[in-house]
Amino acid sequence: MDDGMQARLLPREEEEGELTQRIWDESKRIWRVALPGIISRVSTFGTIVVTQSFIGHINDIDLAGYALVQTLSVRFINGILDLKPK
């Protein structure tokens, strides 16, 4: 345990090879992390749009109330999620 900074947490893969292969490997890693977040954002937006369209068929006051509450709550939740520890 006295290796200090020389100890690696993750095994190093071969860094040699063709540039396109390294870019492809890195792209796969990025998509593995980013895809669930992208799907979550798109599905949340879709849910909000569908709910607003159904409430809009009831009457205008309910639609305005839902849109106001939904906008404030989504902004509040995204504000909490975007906080970065210092």
C-alpha atoms as a PDB file:
ATOM      1  CA  MET A   1       0.000   0.000   0.000  1.00  0.00           C
ATOM      2  CA  ASP A   2       3.021   2.270  -0.146  1.00  0.00           C
ATOM      3  CA  ASP A   3       2.810   2.667  -3.917  1.00  0.00           C
ATOM      4  CA  GLY A   4       1.408   6.163  -3.560  1.00  0.00           C
ATOM      5  CA  MET A   5       0.414   7.671  -6.868  1.00  0.00           C
ATOM      6  CA  GLN A   6       1.748   4.729  -8.839  1.00  0.00           C
ATOM      7  CA  ALA A   7      -1.124   2.394  -7.886  1.00  0.00           C
ATOM      8  CA  ARG A   8      -3.889   2.372 -10.490  1.00  0.00           C
ATOM      9  CA  LEU A   9      -7.545   1.893  -9.643  1.00  0.00           C
ATOM     10  CA  LEU A  10      -8.468   0.720 -13.104  1.00  0.00           C
ATOM     11  CA  PRO A  11      -6.349  -1.477 -15.302  1.00  0.00           C
ATOM     12  CA  ARG A  12      -4.880   0.401 -18.221  1.00  0.00           C
ATOM     13  CA  GLU A  13      -5.897  -0.952 -21.552  1.00  0.00           C
ATOM     14  CA  GLU A  14      -3.625  -0.824 -24.519  1.00  0.00           C
ATOM     15  CA  GLU A  15      -3.327   2.752 -25.632  1.00  0.00           C
ATOM     16  CA  GLU A  16      -1.666   1.759 -28.822  1.00  0.00           C
ATOM     17  CA  GLY A  17      -3.739   1.186 -31.873  1.00  0.00           C
ATOM     18  CA  GLU A  18      -5.485   3.034 -34.596  1.00  0.00           C
ATOM     19  CA  LEU A  19      -6.986   6.415 -33.790  1.00  0.00           C
ATOM     20  CA  THR A  20     -10.422   5.506 -35.131  1.00  0.00           C
ATOM     21  CA  GLN A  21     -10.592   2.434 -32.892  1.00  0.00           C
ATOM     22  CA  ARG A  22      -9.663   4.464 -29.813  1.00  0.00           C
ATOM     23  CA  ILE A  23     -12.272   7.091 -30.695  1.00  0.00           C
ATOM     24  CA  TRP A  24     -14.900   4.370 -31.177  1.00  0.00           C
ATOM     25  CA  ASP A  25     -14.069   2.785 -27.807  1.00  0.00           C
ATOM     26  CA  GLU A  26     -14.262   6.132 -26.029  1.00  0.00           C
ATOM     27  CA  SER A  27     -17.529   6.960 -27.772  1.00  0.00           C
ATOM     28  CA  LYS A  28     -19.060   3.674 -26.580  1.00  0.00           C
ATOM     29  CA  ARG A  29     -18.022   4.481 -23.010  1.00  0.00           C
ATOM     30  CA  ILE A  30     -19.519   7.965 -23.182  1.00  0.00           C
ATOM     31  CA  TRP A  31     -22.821   6.689 -24.583  1.00  0.00           C
ATOM     32  CA  ARG A  32     -22.996   4.027 -21.878  1.00  0.00           C
ATOM     33  CA  VAL A  33     -23.004   6.801 -19.290  1.00  0.00           C
ATOM     34  CA  ALA A  34     -25.017   9.445 -21.175  1.00  0.00           C
ATOM     35  CA  LEU A  35     -27.818   7.372 -22.717  1.00  0.00           C
ATOM     36  CA  PRO A  36     -29.837   6.761 -19.512  1.00  0.00           C
ATOM     37  CA  GLY A  37     -29.818  10.493 -18.776  1.00  0.00           C
ATOM     38  CA  ILE A  38     -30.931  11.341 -22.296  1.00  0.00           C
ATOM     39  CA  ILE A  39     -33.757   8.790 -22.175  1.00  0.00           C
ATOM     40  CA  SER A  40     -34.845  10.118 -18.786  1.00  0.00           C
ATOM     41  CA  ARG A  41     -35.020  13.719 -20.003  1.00  0.00           C
ATOM     42  CA  VAL A  42     -36.935  12.825 -23.162  1.00  0.00           C
ATOM     43  CA  SER A  43     -39.435  10.610 -21.356  1.00  0.00           C
ATOM     44  CA  THR A  44     -39.998  13.224 -18.631  1.00  0.00           C
ATOM     45  CA  PHE A  45     -40.656  15.877 -21.256  1.00  0.00           C
ATOM     46  CA  GLY A  46     -43.047  13.519 -23.063  1.00  0.00           C
ATOM     47  CA  THR A  47     -44.929  12.800 -19.860  1.00  0.00           C
ATOM     48  CA  ILE A  48     -45.370  16.508 -19.166  1.00  0.00           C
ATOM     49  CA  VAL A  49     -46.647  17.184 -22.690  1.00  0.00           C
ATOM     50  CA  VAL A  50     -49.121  14.298 -22.639  1.00  0.00           C
ATOM     51  CA  THR A  51     -50.430  15.259 -19.190  1.00  0.00           C
ATOM     52  CA  GLN A  52     -50.891  18.884 -20.238  1.00  0.00           C
ATOM     53  CA  SER A  53     -52.768  17.852 -23.337  1.00  0.00           C
ATOM     54  CA  PHE A  54     -55.170  15.682 -21.331  1.00  0.00           C
ATOM     55  CA  ILE A  55     -55.719  18.371 -18.700  1.00  0.00           C
ATOM     56  CA  GLY A  56     -56.271  20.910 -21.486  1.00  0.00           C
ATOM     57  CA  HIS A  57     -59.371  18.981 -22.520  1.00  0.00           C
ATOM     58  CA  ILE A  58     -60.933  19.520 -19.077  1.00  0.00           C
ATOM     59  CA  ASN A  59     -60.834  23.321 -18.943  1.00  0.00           C
ATOM     60  CA  ASP A  60     -58.466  26.257 -19.280  1.00  0.00           C
ATOM     61  CA  ILE A  61     -58.121  27.074 -15.588  1.00  0.00           C
ATOM     62  CA  ASP A  62     -56.982  23.557 -14.693  1.00  0.00           C
ATOM     63  CA  LEU A  63     -54.487  23.625 -17.559  1.00  0.00           C
ATOM     64  CA  ALA A  64     -53.061  26.960 -16.412  1.00  0.00           C
ATOM     65  CA  GLY A  65     -52.784  25.721 -12.832  1.00  0.00           C
ATOM     66  CA  TYR A  66     -51.064  22.502 -13.839  1.00  0.00           C
ATOM     67  CA  ALA A  67     -48.668  24.293 -16.184  1.00  0.00           C
ATOM     68  CA  LEU A  68     -47.693  26.735 -13.437  1.00  0.00           C
ATOM     69  CA  VAL A  69     -47.156  24.060 -10.804  1.00  0.00           C
ATOM     70  CA  GLN A  70     -45.330  21.758 -13.215  1.00  0.00           C
ATOM     71  CA  THR A  71     -43.023  24.513 -14.433  1.00  0.00           C
ATOM     72  CA  LEU A  72     -42.111  25.584 -10.914  1.00  0.00           C
ATOM     73  CA  SER A  73     -41.592  22.045  -9.642  1.00  0.00           C
ATOM     74  CA  VAL A  74     -39.495  20.980 -12.644  1.00  0.00           C
ATOM     75  CA  ARG A  75     -37.294  24.057 -12.305  1.00  0.00           C
ATOM     76  CA  PHE A  76     -36.953  23.458  -8.563  1.00  0.00           C
ATOM     77  CA  ILE A  77     -36.023  19.790  -9.007  1.00  0.00           C
ATOM     78  CA  ASN A  78     -33.561  20.545 -11.816  1.00  0.00           C
ATOM     79  CA  GLY A  79     -32.049  23.265  -9.656  1.00  0.00           C
ATOM     80  CA  ILE A  80     -31.465  20.755  -6.866  1.00  0.00           C
ATOM     81  CA  LEU A  81     -30.033  18.168  -9.257  1.00  0.00           C
ATOM     82  CA  ASP A  82     -27.669  20.703 -10.808  1.00  0.00           C
ATOM     83  CA  LEU A  83     -26.111  21.697  -7.478  1.00  0.00           C
ATOM     84  CA  LYS A  84     -22.452  20.862  -7.452  1.00  0.00           C
ATOM     85  CA  PRO A  85     -20.592  20.162  -4.237  1.00  0.00           C
ATOM     86  CA  LYS A  86     -17.741  22.535  -3.557  1.00  0.00           C
END
